[in-house]
Amino acid sequence: MKIYEIRLTRQAYQNLMDIRDYIQNELLAPEAAKKIVNELEGAMKSLATMPARIRLIEEEKWRRKGIRRMVTGNFYIYFLIDEDSEVVKVLAAVAAKRNQEAFLSDLEQ
């Protein structure tokens, strides 16, 4: 079985920190913040095996770029697969309730 390396973009890392900070400081739920970030990190790590099990997103503009979206709780994890280098590039983690099209327009690739 092929094992992929997981790489987070700066934006994806910052998204995790923003999610943690919002839940911890705005919602005053530090334990929930830790749990959610751990769940998101675990989901990202799970992409090391069979990342193509997650289908391409439906929005054609981003589908053509090979972007996939994994659902984890109330969050989406956006990523690309580079088969040649066996790398999964995590682009972002975002709350599902956000405007996804606007968010996708700002993605680093």
PDB file of N, CA and C in Angstrom:
ATOM      1  N   MET A   1       0.845  -1.181   0.000  1.00  0.00           N
ATOM      2  CA  MET A   1       0.000   0.000   0.000  1.00  0.00           C
ATOM      3  C   MET A   1       0.892   1.246   0.000  1.00  0.00           C
ATOM      4  N   LYS A   2       0.531   2.178  -0.826  1.00  0.00           N
ATOM      5  CA  LYS A   2       1.278   3.428  -0.944  1.00  0.00           C
ATOM      6  C   LYS A   2       0.958   4.341   0.238  1.00  0.00           C
ATOM      7  N   ILE A   3       1.998   4.932   0.824  1.00  0.00           N
ATOM      8  CA  ILE A   3       1.827   5.880   1.932  1.00  0.00           C
ATOM      9  C   ILE A   3       2.251   7.259   1.429  1.00  0.00           C
ATOM     10  N   TYR A   4       1.362   8.212   1.547  1.00  0.00           N
ATOM     11  CA  TYR A   4       1.614   9.576   1.095  1.00  0.00           C
ATOM     12  C   TYR A   4       2.127  10.438   2.246  1.00  0.00           C
ATOM     13  N   GLU A   5       2.983  11.367   1.892  1.00  0.00           N
ATOM     14  CA  GLU A   5       3.430  12.371   2.861  1.00  0.00           C
ATOM     15  C   GLU A   5       2.340  13.450   2.927  1.00  0.00           C
ATOM     16  N   ILE A   6       2.051  13.928   4.111  1.00  0.00           N
ATOM     17  CA  ILE A   6       1.054  14.986   4.299  1.00  0.00           C
ATOM     18  C   ILE A   6       1.792  16.302   4.504  1.00  0.00           C
ATOM     19  N   ARG A   7       1.465  17.293   3.683  1.00  0.00           N
ATOM     20  CA  ARG A   7       2.053  18.625   3.821  1.00  0.00           C
ATOM     21  C   ARG A   7       0.935  19.653   3.937  1.00  0.00           C
ATOM     22  N   LEU A   8       1.033  20.493   4.937  1.00  0.00           N
ATOM     23  CA  LEU A   8       0.063  21.576   5.124  1.00  0.00           C
ATOM     24  C   LEU A   8       0.640  22.861   4.551  1.00  0.00           C
ATOM     25  N   THR A   9      -0.198  23.609   3.841  1.00  0.00           N
ATOM     26  CA  THR A   9       0.214  24.936   3.411  1.00  0.00           C
ATOM     27  C   THR A   9       0.199  25.851   4.625  1.00  0.00           C
ATOM     28  N   ARG A  10       0.823  27.005   4.488  1.00  0.00           N
ATOM     29  CA  ARG A  10       0.768  27.993   5.579  1.00  0.00           C
ATOM     30  C   ARG A  10      -0.676  28.339   5.900  1.00  0.00           C
ATOM     31  N   GLN A  11      -1.479  28.450   4.854  1.00  0.00           N
ATOM     32  CA  GLN A  11      -2.889  28.794   5.047  1.00  0.00           C
ATOM     33  C   GLN A  11      -3.616  27.713   5.850  1.00  0.00           C
ATOM     34  N   ALA A  12      -3.362  26.451   5.555  1.00  0.00           N
ATOM     35  CA  ALA A  12      -4.018  25.360   6.285  1.00  0.00           C
ATOM     36  C   ALA A  12      -3.607  25.372   7.754  1.00  0.00           C
ATOM     37  N   TYR A  13      -2.319  25.583   7.997  1.00  0.00           N
ATOM     38  CA  TYR A  13      -1.847  25.659   9.378  1.00  0.00           C
ATOM     39  C   TYR A  13      -2.506  26.835  10.101  1.00  0.00           C
ATOM     40  N   GLN A  14      -2.566  27.982   9.436  1.00  0.00           N
ATOM     41  CA  GLN A  14      -3.187  29.153  10.041  1.00  0.00           C
ATOM     42  C   GLN A  14      -4.675  28.925  10.290  1.00  0.00           C
ATOM     43  N   ASN A  15      -5.335  28.212   9.378  1.00  0.00           N
ATOM     44  CA  ASN A  15      -6.749  27.880   9.584  1.00  0.00           C
ATOM     45  C   ASN A  15      -6.936  27.091  10.868  1.00  0.00           C
ATOM     46  N   LEU A  16      -6.063  26.097  11.105  1.00  0.00           N
ATOM     47  CA  LEU A  16      -6.156  25.307  12.337  1.00  0.00           C
ATOM     48  C   LEU A  16      -5.984  26.181  13.571  1.00  0.00           C
ATOM     49  N   MET A  17      -5.020  27.084  13.526  1.00  0.00           N
ATOM     50  CA  MET A  17      -4.775  27.971  14.664  1.00  0.00           C
ATOM     51  C   MET A  17      -5.956  28.933  14.868  1.00  0.00           C
ATOM     52  N   ASP A  18      -6.538  29.415  13.785  1.00  0.00           N
ATOM     53  CA  ASP A  18      -7.698  30.306  13.884  1.00  0.00           C
ATOM     54  C   ASP A  18      -8.908  29.581  14.471  1.00  0.00           C
ATOM     55  N   ILE A  19      -9.117  28.348  14.033  1.00  0.00           N
ATOM     56  CA  ILE A  19     -10.225  27.543  14.571  1.00  0.00           C
ATOM     57  C   ILE A  19     -10.019  27.331  16.072  1.00  0.00           C
ATOM     58  N   ARG A  20      -8.807  26.932  16.440  1.00  0.00           N
ATOM     59  CA  ARG A  20      -8.485  26.724  17.858  1.00  0.00           C
ATOM     60  C   ARG A  20      -8.716  27.995  18.666  1.00  0.00           C
ATOM     61  N   ASP A  21      -8.167  29.109  18.173  1.00  0.00           N
ATOM     62  CA  ASP A  21      -8.280  30.374  18.909  1.00  0.00           C
ATOM     63  C   ASP A  21      -9.722  30.835  19.043  1.00  0.00           C
ATOM     64  N   TYR A  22     -10.508  30.683  17.990  1.00  0.00           N
ATOM     65  CA  TYR A  22     -11.909  31.110  18.039  1.00  0.00           C
ATOM     66  C   TYR A  22     -12.679  30.302  19.084  1.00  0.00           C
ATOM     67  N   ILE A  23     -12.537  28.996  19.041  1.00  0.00           N
ATOM     68  CA  ILE A  23     -13.279  28.151  19.983  1.00  0.00           C
ATOM     69  C   ILE A  23     -12.785  28.378  21.409  1.00  0.00           C
ATOM     70  N   GLN A  24     -11.494  28.498  21.552  1.00  0.00           N
ATOM     71  CA  GLN A  24     -10.900  28.673  22.884  1.00  0.00           C
ATOM     72  C   GLN A  24     -11.210  30.041  23.480  1.00  0.00           C
ATOM     73  N   ASN A  25     -11.054  31.104  22.689  1.00  0.00           N
ATOM     74  CA  ASN A  25     -11.153  32.463  23.222  1.00  0.00           C
ATOM     75  C   ASN A  25     -12.515  33.119  23.059  1.00  0.00           C
ATOM     76  N   GLU A  26     -13.178  32.848  21.937  1.00  0.00           N
ATOM     77  CA  GLU A  26     -14.488  33.470  21.710  1.00  0.00           C
ATOM     78  C   GLU A  26     -15.622  32.649  22.321  1.00  0.00           C
ATOM     79  N   LEU A  27     -15.533  31.349  22.158  1.00  0.00           N
ATOM     80  CA  LEU A  27     -16.580  30.481  22.703  1.00  0.00           C
ATOM     81  C   LEU A  27     -16.254  30.015  24.118  1.00  0.00           C
ATOM     82  N   LEU A  28     -15.042  30.344  24.568  1.00  0.00           N
ATOM     83  CA  LEU A  28     -14.577  29.992  25.919  1.00  0.00           C
ATOM     84  C   LEU A  28     -14.694  28.495  26.199  1.00  0.00           C
ATOM     85  N   ALA A  29     -14.229  27.705  25.224  1.00  0.00           N
ATOM     86  CA  ALA A  29     -14.296  26.257  25.346  1.00  0.00           C
ATOM     87  C   ALA A  29     -12.941  25.635  24.980  1.00  0.00           C
ATOM     88  N   PRO A  30     -11.939  25.784  25.858  1.00  0.00           N
ATOM     89  CA  PRO A  30     -10.594  25.299  25.527  1.00  0.00           C
ATOM     90  C   PRO A  30     -10.512  23.791  25.288  1.00  0.00           C
ATOM     91  N   GLU A  31     -11.270  23.009  26.021  1.00  0.00           N
ATOM     92  CA  GLU A  31     -11.236  21.557  25.812  1.00  0.00           C
ATOM     93  C   GLU A  31     -11.846  21.191  24.466  1.00  0.00           C
ATOM     94  N   ALA A  32     -12.925  21.863  24.098  1.00  0.00           N
ATOM     95  CA  ALA A  32     -13.544  21.616  22.793  1.00  0.00           C
ATOM     96  C   ALA A  32     -12.596  22.033  21.672  1.00  0.00           C
ATOM     97  N   ALA A  33     -11.886  23.135  21.863  1.00  0.00           N
ATOM     98  CA  ALA A  33     -10.923  23.605  20.857  1.00  0.00           C
ATOM     99  C   ALA A  33      -9.852  22.543  20.623  1.00  0.00           C
ATOM    100  N   LYS A  34      -9.318  22.008  21.702  1.00  0.00           N
ATOM    101  CA  LYS A  34      -8.281  20.985  21.602  1.00  0.00           C
ATOM    102  C   LYS A  34      -8.828  19.737  20.900  1.00  0.00           C
ATOM    103  N   LYS A  35     -10.026  19.326  21.265  1.00  0.00           N
ATOM    104  CA  LYS A  35     -10.642  18.133  20.679  1.00  0.00           C
ATOM    105  C   LYS A  35     -10.864  18.311  19.180  1.00  0.00           C
ATOM    106  N   ILE A  36     -11.403  19.445  18.784  1.00  0.00           N
ATOM    107  CA  ILE A  36     -11.694  19.679  17.364  1.00  0.00           C
ATOM    108  C   ILE A  36     -10.415  19.744  16.542  1.00  0.00           C
ATOM    109  N   VAL A  37      -9.411  20.443  17.036  1.00  0.00           N
ATOM    110  CA  VAL A  37      -8.143  20.514  16.300  1.00  0.00           C
ATOM    111  C   VAL A  37      -7.516  19.126  16.198  1.00  0.00           C
ATOM    112  N   ASN A  38      -7.582  18.348  17.257  1.00  0.00           N
ATOM    113  CA  ASN A  38      -7.057  16.975  17.203  1.00  0.00           C
ATOM    114  C   ASN A  38      -7.813  16.133  16.181  1.00  0.00           C
ATOM    115  N   GLU A  39      -9.129  16.303  16.098  1.00  0.00           N
ATOM    116  CA  GLU A  39      -9.931  15.567  15.116  1.00  0.00           C
ATOM    117  C   GLU A  39      -9.552  15.978  13.695  1.00  0.00           C
ATOM    118  N   LEU A  40      -9.373  17.279  13.477  1.00  0.00           N
ATOM    119  CA  LEU A  40      -8.981  17.758  12.150  1.00  0.00           C
ATOM    120  C   LEU A  40      -7.596  17.241  11.769  1.00  0.00           C
ATOM    121  N   GLU A  41      -6.663  17.286  12.705  1.00  0.00           N
ATOM    122  CA  GLU A  41      -5.317  16.775  12.432  1.00  0.00           C
ATOM    123  C   GLU A  41      -5.352  15.274  12.156  1.00  0.00           C
ATOM    124  N   GLY A  42      -6.160  14.543  12.894  1.00  0.00           N
ATOM    125  CA  GLY A  42      -6.299  13.107  12.661  1.00  0.00           C
ATOM    126  C   GLY A  42      -6.872  12.806  11.286  1.00  0.00           C
ATOM    127  N   ALA A  43      -7.861  13.592  10.884  1.00  0.00           N
ATOM    128  CA  ALA A  43      -8.449  13.413   9.550  1.00  0.00           C
ATOM    129  C   ALA A  43      -7.405  13.692   8.468  1.00  0.00           C
ATOM    130  N   MET A  44      -6.610  14.740   8.669  1.00  0.00           N
ATOM    131  CA  MET A  44      -5.556  15.056   7.697  1.00  0.00           C
ATOM    132  C   MET A  44      -4.549  13.912   7.618  1.00  0.00           C
ATOM    133  N   LYS A  45      -4.152  13.380   8.762  1.00  0.00           N
ATOM    134  CA  LYS A  45      -3.187  12.270   8.785  1.00  0.00           C
ATOM    135  C   LYS A  45      -3.753  11.030   8.103  1.00  0.00           C
ATOM    136  N   SER A  46      -5.072  10.854   8.172  1.00  0.00           N
ATOM    137  CA  SER A  46      -5.686   9.680   7.550  1.00  0.00           C
ATOM    138  C   SER A  46      -5.551   9.703   6.027  1.00  0.00           C
ATOM    139  N   LEU A  47      -5.265  10.870   5.483  1.00  0.00           N
ATOM    140  CA  LEU A  47      -5.095  10.989   4.033  1.00  0.00           C
ATOM    141  C   LEU A  47      -3.786  10.366   3.553  1.00  0.00           C
ATOM    142  N   ALA A  48      -2.935   9.935   4.473  1.00  0.00           N
ATOM    143  CA  ALA A  48      -1.672   9.291   4.101  1.00  0.00           C
ATOM    144  C   ALA A  48      -1.916   7.972   3.367  1.00  0.00           C
ATOM    145  N   THR A  49      -3.055   7.368   3.614  1.00  0.00           N
ATOM    146  CA  THR A  49      -3.404   6.137   2.902  1.00  0.00           C
ATOM    147  C   THR A  49      -4.691   6.353   2.121  1.00  0.00           C
ATOM    148  N   MET A  50      -4.652   5.996   0.880  1.00  0.00           N
ATOM    149  CA  MET A  50      -5.805   6.069  -0.029  1.00  0.00           C
ATOM    150  C   MET A  50      -6.504   7.428  -0.034  1.00  0.00           C
ATOM    151  N   PRO A  51      -5.796   8.514  -0.275  1.00  0.00           N
ATOM    152  CA  PRO A  51      -6.438   9.825  -0.289  1.00  0.00           C
ATOM    153  C   PRO A  51      -7.464   9.982  -1.419  1.00  0.00           C
ATOM    154  N   ALA A  52      -7.313   9.198  -2.477  1.00  0.00           N
ATOM    155  CA  ALA A  52      -8.249   9.294  -3.603  1.00  0.00           C
ATOM    156  C   ALA A  52      -9.628   8.734  -3.265  1.00  0.00           C
ATOM    157  N   ARG A  53      -9.774   8.160  -2.070  1.00  0.00           N
ATOM    158  CA  ARG A  53     -11.103   7.697  -1.636  1.00  0.00           C
ATOM    159  C   ARG A  53     -12.056   8.869  -1.465  1.00  0.00           C
ATOM    160  N   ILE A  54     -11.481  10.060  -1.282  1.00  0.00           N
ATOM    161  CA  ILE A  54     -12.279  11.283  -1.164  1.00  0.00           C
ATOM    162  C   ILE A  54     -12.448  11.843  -2.571  1.00  0.00           C
ATOM    163  N   ARG A  55     -13.666  12.031  -2.982  1.00  0.00           N
ATOM    164  CA  ARG A  55     -13.906  12.465  -4.368  1.00  0.00           C
ATOM    165  C   ARG A  55     -13.569  13.936  -4.581  1.00  0.00           C
ATOM    166  N   LEU A  56     -13.396  14.274  -5.839  1.00  0.00           N
ATOM    167  CA  LEU A  56     -13.165  15.664  -6.219  1.00  0.00           C
ATOM    168  C   LEU A  56     -14.390  16.494  -5.876  1.00  0.00           C
ATOM    169  N   ILE A  57     -14.171  17.786  -5.582  1.00  0.00           N
ATOM    170  CA  ILE A  57     -15.316  18.640  -5.266  1.00  0.00           C
ATOM    171  C   ILE A  57     -16.151  18.865  -6.519  1.00  0.00           C
ATOM    172  N   GLU A  58     -17.389  19.239  -6.338  1.00  0.00           N
ATOM    173  CA  GLU A  58     -18.312  19.366  -7.464  1.00  0.00           C
ATOM    174  C   GLU A  58     -18.154  20.664  -8.239  1.00  0.00           C
ATOM    175  N   GLU A  59     -17.696  21.726  -7.590  1.00  0.00           N
ATOM    176  CA  GLU A  59     -17.553  23.011  -8.259  1.00  0.00           C
ATOM    177  C   GLU A  59     -16.498  22.879  -9.351  1.00  0.00           C
ATOM    178  N   GLU A  60     -16.922  22.991 -10.610  1.00  0.00           N
ATOM    179  CA  GLU A  60     -16.070  22.679 -11.763  1.00  0.00           C
ATOM    180  C   GLU A  60     -14.761  23.456 -11.789  1.00  0.00           C
ATOM    181  N   LYS A  61     -14.808  24.718 -11.435  1.00  0.00           N
ATOM    182  CA  LYS A  61     -13.601  25.554 -11.465  1.00  0.00           C
ATOM    183  C   LYS A  61     -12.476  24.939 -10.634  1.00  0.00           C
ATOM    184  N   TRP A  62     -12.807  24.381  -9.476  1.00  0.00           N
ATOM    185  CA  TRP A  62     -11.805  23.805  -8.586  1.00  0.00           C
ATOM    186  C   TRP A  62     -11.621  22.317  -8.826  1.00  0.00           C
ATOM    187  N   ARG A  63     -12.640  21.680  -9.347  1.00  0.00           N
ATOM    188  CA  ARG A  63     -12.551  20.260  -9.695  1.00  0.00           C
ATOM    189  C   ARG A  63     -11.449  20.047 -10.736  1.00  0.00           C
ATOM    190  N   ARG A  64     -11.392  20.942 -11.727  1.00  0.00           N
ATOM    191  CA  ARG A  64     -10.369  20.845 -12.778  1.00  0.00           C
ATOM    192  C   ARG A  64      -8.957  20.946 -12.200  1.00  0.00           C
ATOM    193  N   LYS A  65      -8.819  21.606 -11.067  1.00  0.00           N
ATOM    194  CA  LYS A  65      -7.507  21.749 -10.420  1.00  0.00           C
ATOM    195  C   LYS A  65      -7.167  20.550  -9.547  1.00  0.00           C
ATOM    196  N   GLY A  66      -8.125  19.629  -9.396  1.00  0.00           N
ATOM    197  CA  GLY A  66      -7.883  18.416  -8.617  1.00  0.00           C
ATOM    198  C   GLY A  66      -8.144  18.569  -7.132  1.00  0.00           C
ATOM    199  N   ILE A  67      -8.878  19.597  -6.749  1.00  0.00           N
ATOM    200  CA  ILE A  67      -9.136  19.825  -5.327  1.00  0.00           C
ATOM    201  C   ILE A  67     -10.221  18.876  -4.827  1.00  0.00           C
ATOM    202  N   ARG A  68      -9.947  18.311  -3.672  1.00  0.00           N
ATOM    203  CA  ARG A  68     -10.877  17.396  -3.006  1.00  0.00           C
ATOM    204  C   ARG A  68     -11.291  17.997  -1.665  1.00  0.00           C
ATOM    205  N   ARG A  69     -12.457  17.588  -1.176  1.00  0.00           N
ATOM    206  CA  ARG A  69     -12.967  18.115   0.093  1.00  0.00           C
ATOM    207  C   ARG A  69     -13.385  16.948   0.981  1.00  0.00           C
ATOM    208  N   MET A  70     -12.746  16.902   2.140  1.00  0.00           N
ATOM    209  CA  MET A  70     -13.079  15.893   3.143  1.00  0.00           C
ATOM    210  C   MET A  70     -13.940  16.555   4.222  1.00  0.00           C
ATOM    211  N   VAL A  71     -15.018  15.897   4.597  1.00  0.00           N
ATOM    212  CA  VAL A  71     -15.892  16.404   5.654  1.00  0.00           C
ATOM    213  C   VAL A  71     -15.450  15.786   6.972  1.00  0.00           C
ATOM    214  N   THR A  72     -15.234  16.651   7.964  1.00  0.00           N
ATOM    215  CA  THR A  72     -14.872  16.210   9.309  1.00  0.00           C
ATOM    216  C   THR A  72     -15.685  17.042  10.292  1.00  0.00           C
ATOM    217  N   GLY A  73     -16.703  16.439  10.870  1.00  0.00           N
ATOM    218  CA  GLY A  73     -17.583  17.184  11.778  1.00  0.00           C
ATOM    219  C   GLY A  73     -18.222  18.332  11.025  1.00  0.00           C
ATOM    220  N   ASN A  74     -18.095  19.532  11.568  1.00  0.00           N
ATOM    221  CA  ASN A  74     -18.661  20.732  10.944  1.00  0.00           C
ATOM    222  C   ASN A  74     -17.626  21.494  10.121  1.00  0.00           C
ATOM    223  N   PHE A  75     -16.602  20.780   9.661  1.00  0.00           N
ATOM    224  CA  PHE A  75     -15.506  21.409   8.929  1.00  0.00           C
ATOM    225  C   PHE A  75     -15.227  20.667   7.630  1.00  0.00           C
ATOM    226  N   TYR A  76     -14.661  21.402   6.692  1.00  0.00           N
ATOM    227  CA  TYR A  76     -14.172  20.828   5.441  1.00  0.00           C
ATOM    228  C   TYR A  76     -12.656  20.951   5.425  1.00  0.00           C
ATOM    229  N   ILE A  77     -12.006  19.932   4.903  1.00  0.00           N
ATOM    230  CA  ILE A  77     -10.566  19.958   4.670  1.00  0.00           C
ATOM    231  C   ILE A  77     -10.380  19.861   3.164  1.00  0.00           C
ATOM    232  N   TYR A  78      -9.739  20.872   2.586  1.00  0.00           N
ATOM    233  CA  TYR A  78      -9.470  20.902   1.155  1.00  0.00           C
ATOM    234  C   TYR A  78      -8.035  20.448   0.910  1.00  0.00           C
ATOM    235  N   PHE A  79      -7.851  19.605  -0.120  1.00  0.00           N
ATOM    236  CA  PHE A  79      -6.510  19.095  -0.400  1.00  0.00           C
ATOM    237  C   PHE A  79      -6.356  18.681  -1.863  1.00  0.00           C
ATOM    238  N   LEU A  80      -5.088  18.526  -2.247  1.00  0.00           N
ATOM    239  CA  LEU A  80      -4.702  18.037  -3.573  1.00  0.00           C
ATOM    240  C   LEU A  80      -3.843  16.796  -3.393  1.00  0.00           C
ATOM    241  N   ILE A  81      -3.818  15.930  -4.390  1.00  0.00           N
ATOM    242  CA  ILE A  81      -2.954  14.754  -4.380  1.00  0.00           C
ATOM    243  C   ILE A  81      -1.936  14.902  -5.503  1.00  0.00           C
ATOM    244  N   ASP A  82      -0.667  14.766  -5.170  1.00  0.00           N
ATOM    245  CA  ASP A  82       0.394  14.734  -6.168  1.00  0.00           C
ATOM    246  C   ASP A  82       0.888  13.292  -6.231  1.00  0.00           C
ATOM    247  N   GLU A  83       0.394  12.565  -7.218  1.00  0.00           N
ATOM    248  CA  GLU A  83       0.731  11.140  -7.340  1.00  0.00           C
ATOM    249  C   GLU A  83       2.214  10.929  -7.624  1.00  0.00           C
ATOM    250  N   ASP A  84       2.823  11.811  -8.416  1.00  0.00           N
ATOM    251  CA  ASP A  84       4.229  11.641  -8.791  1.00  0.00           C
ATOM    252  C   ASP A  84       5.155  11.682  -7.580  1.00  0.00           C
ATOM    253  N   SER A  85       4.910  12.634  -6.670  1.00  0.00           N
ATOM    254  CA  SER A  85       5.775  12.756  -5.493  1.00  0.00           C
ATOM    255  C   SER A  85       5.170  12.086  -4.261  1.00  0.00           C
ATOM    256  N   GLU A  86       3.994  11.493  -4.418  1.00  0.00           N
ATOM    257  CA  GLU A  86       3.288  10.817  -3.327  1.00  0.00           C
ATOM    258  C   GLU A  86       3.090  11.743  -2.129  1.00  0.00           C
ATOM    259  N   VAL A  87       2.541  12.923  -2.426  1.00  0.00           N
ATOM    260  CA  VAL A  87       2.292  13.951  -1.418  1.00  0.00           C
ATOM    261  C   VAL A  87       0.827  14.354  -1.468  1.00  0.00           C
ATOM    262  N   VAL A  88       0.239  14.495  -0.290  1.00  0.00           N
ATOM    263  CA  VAL A  88      -1.079  15.106  -0.156  1.00  0.00           C
ATOM    264  C   VAL A  88      -0.834  16.503   0.395  1.00  0.00           C
ATOM    265  N   LYS A  89      -1.264  17.485  -0.348  1.00  0.00           N
ATOM    266  CA  LYS A  89      -1.079  18.886   0.048  1.00  0.00           C
ATOM    267  C   LYS A  89      -2.400  19.406   0.612  1.00  0.00           C
ATOM    268  N   VAL A  90      -2.421  19.620   1.925  1.00  0.00           N
ATOM    269  CA  VAL A  90      -3.622  20.143   2.580  1.00  0.00           C
ATOM    270  C   VAL A  90      -3.627  21.653   2.382  1.00  0.00           C
ATOM    271  N   LEU A  91      -4.676  22.133   1.737  1.00  0.00           N
ATOM    272  CA  LEU A  91      -4.780  23.543   1.388  1.00  0.00           C
ATOM    273  C   LEU A  91      -5.470  24.377   2.454  1.00  0.00           C
ATOM    274  N   ALA A  92      -6.464  23.785   3.121  1.00  0.00           N
ATOM    275  CA  ALA A  92      -7.235  24.579   4.075  1.00  0.00           C
ATOM    276  C   ALA A  92      -8.131  23.692   4.929  1.00  0.00           C
ATOM    277  N   ALA A  93      -8.521  24.250   6.067  1.00  0.00           N
ATOM    278  CA  ALA A  93      -9.554  23.673   6.922  1.00  0.00           C
ATOM    279  C   ALA A  93     -10.501  24.824   7.233  1.00  0.00           C
ATOM    280  N   VAL A  94     -11.781  24.623   6.996  1.00  0.00           N
ATOM    281  CA  VAL A  94     -12.736  25.723   7.127  1.00  0.00           C
ATOM    282  C   VAL A  94     -14.072  25.210   7.658  1.00  0.00           C
ATOM    283  N   ALA A  95     -14.731  26.055   8.431  1.00  0.00           N
ATOM    284  CA  ALA A  95     -16.061  25.707   8.942  1.00  0.00           C
ATOM    285  C   ALA A  95     -17.022  25.539   7.768  1.00  0.00           C
ATOM    286  N   ALA A  96     -17.829  24.509   7.811  1.00  0.00           N
ATOM    287  CA  ALA A  96     -18.760  24.208   6.730  1.00  0.00           C
ATOM    288  C   ALA A  96     -19.791  25.316   6.518  1.00  0.00           C
ATOM    289  N   LYS A  97     -20.077  26.090   7.559  1.00  0.00           N
ATOM    290  CA  LYS A  97     -21.109  27.131   7.441  1.00  0.00           C
ATOM    291  C   LYS A  97     -20.619  28.376   6.690  1.00  0.00           C
ATOM    292  N   ARG A  98     -19.308  28.468   6.448  1.00  0.00           N
ATOM    293  CA  ARG A  98     -18.779  29.621   5.712  1.00  0.00           C
ATOM    294  C   ARG A  98     -19.143  29.538   4.239  1.00  0.00           C
ATOM    295  N   ASN A  99     -19.069  30.671   3.552  1.00  0.00           N
ATOM    296  CA  ASN A  99     -19.294  30.724   2.110  1.00  0.00           C
ATOM    297  C   ASN A  99     -18.121  30.008   1.435  1.00  0.00           C
ATOM    298  N   GLN A 100     -18.359  28.804   0.966  1.00  0.00           N
ATOM    299  CA  GLN A 100     -17.276  27.974   0.439  1.00  0.00           C
ATOM    300  C   GLN A 100     -16.716  28.516  -0.879  1.00  0.00           C
ATOM    301  N   GLU A 101     -17.565  29.031  -1.729  1.00  0.00           N
ATOM    302  CA  GLU A 101     -17.082  29.557  -3.003  1.00  0.00           C
ATOM    303  C   GLU A 101     -16.139  30.737  -2.789  1.00  0.00           C
ATOM    304  N   ALA A 102     -16.498  31.633  -1.897  1.00  0.00           N
ATOM    305  CA  ALA A 102     -15.615  32.781  -1.595  1.00  0.00           C
ATOM    306  C   ALA A 102     -14.328  32.282  -0.971  1.00  0.00           C
ATOM    307  N   PHE A 103     -14.425  31.304  -0.107  1.00  0.00           N
ATOM    308  CA  PHE A 103     -13.232  30.760   0.539  1.00  0.00           C
ATOM    309  C   PHE A 103     -12.317  30.092  -0.487  1.00  0.00           C
ATOM    310  N   LEU A 104     -12.875  29.307  -1.374  1.00  0.00           N
ATOM    311  CA  LEU A 104     -12.081  28.618  -2.388  1.00  0.00           C
ATOM    312  C   LEU A 104     -11.351  29.609  -3.291  1.00  0.00           C
ATOM    313  N   SER A 105     -11.955  30.731  -3.541  1.00  0.00           N
ATOM    314  CA  SER A 105     -11.320  31.741  -4.398  1.00  0.00           C
ATOM    315  C   SER A 105     -10.028  32.271  -3.789  1.00  0.00           C
ATOM    316  N   ASP A 106      -9.907  32.200  -2.475  1.00  0.00           N
ATOM    317  CA  ASP A 106      -8.730  32.723  -1.784  1.00  0.00           C
ATOM    318  C   ASP A 106      -7.691  31.654  -1.458  1.00  0.00           C
ATOM    319  N   LEU A 107      -7.902  30.417  -1.889  1.00  0.00           N
ATOM    320  CA  LEU A 107      -6.976  29.341  -1.558  1.00  0.00           C
ATOM    321  C   LEU A 107      -5.608  29.529  -2.185  1.00  0.00           C
ATOM    322  N   GLU A 108      -4.563  29.259  -1.391  1.00  0.00           N
ATOM    323  CA  GLU A 108      -3.201  29.153  -1.929  1.00  0.00           C
ATOM    324  C   GLU A 108      -3.086  27.770  -2.551  1.00  0.00           C
ATOM    325  N   GLN A 109      -2.364  27.677  -3.644  1.00  0.00           N
ATOM    326  CA  GLN A 109      -2.115  26.355  -4.214  1.00  0.00           C
ATOM    327  C   GLN A 109      -0.665  26.262  -4.515  1.00  0.00           C
TER     328      GLN A 109
END
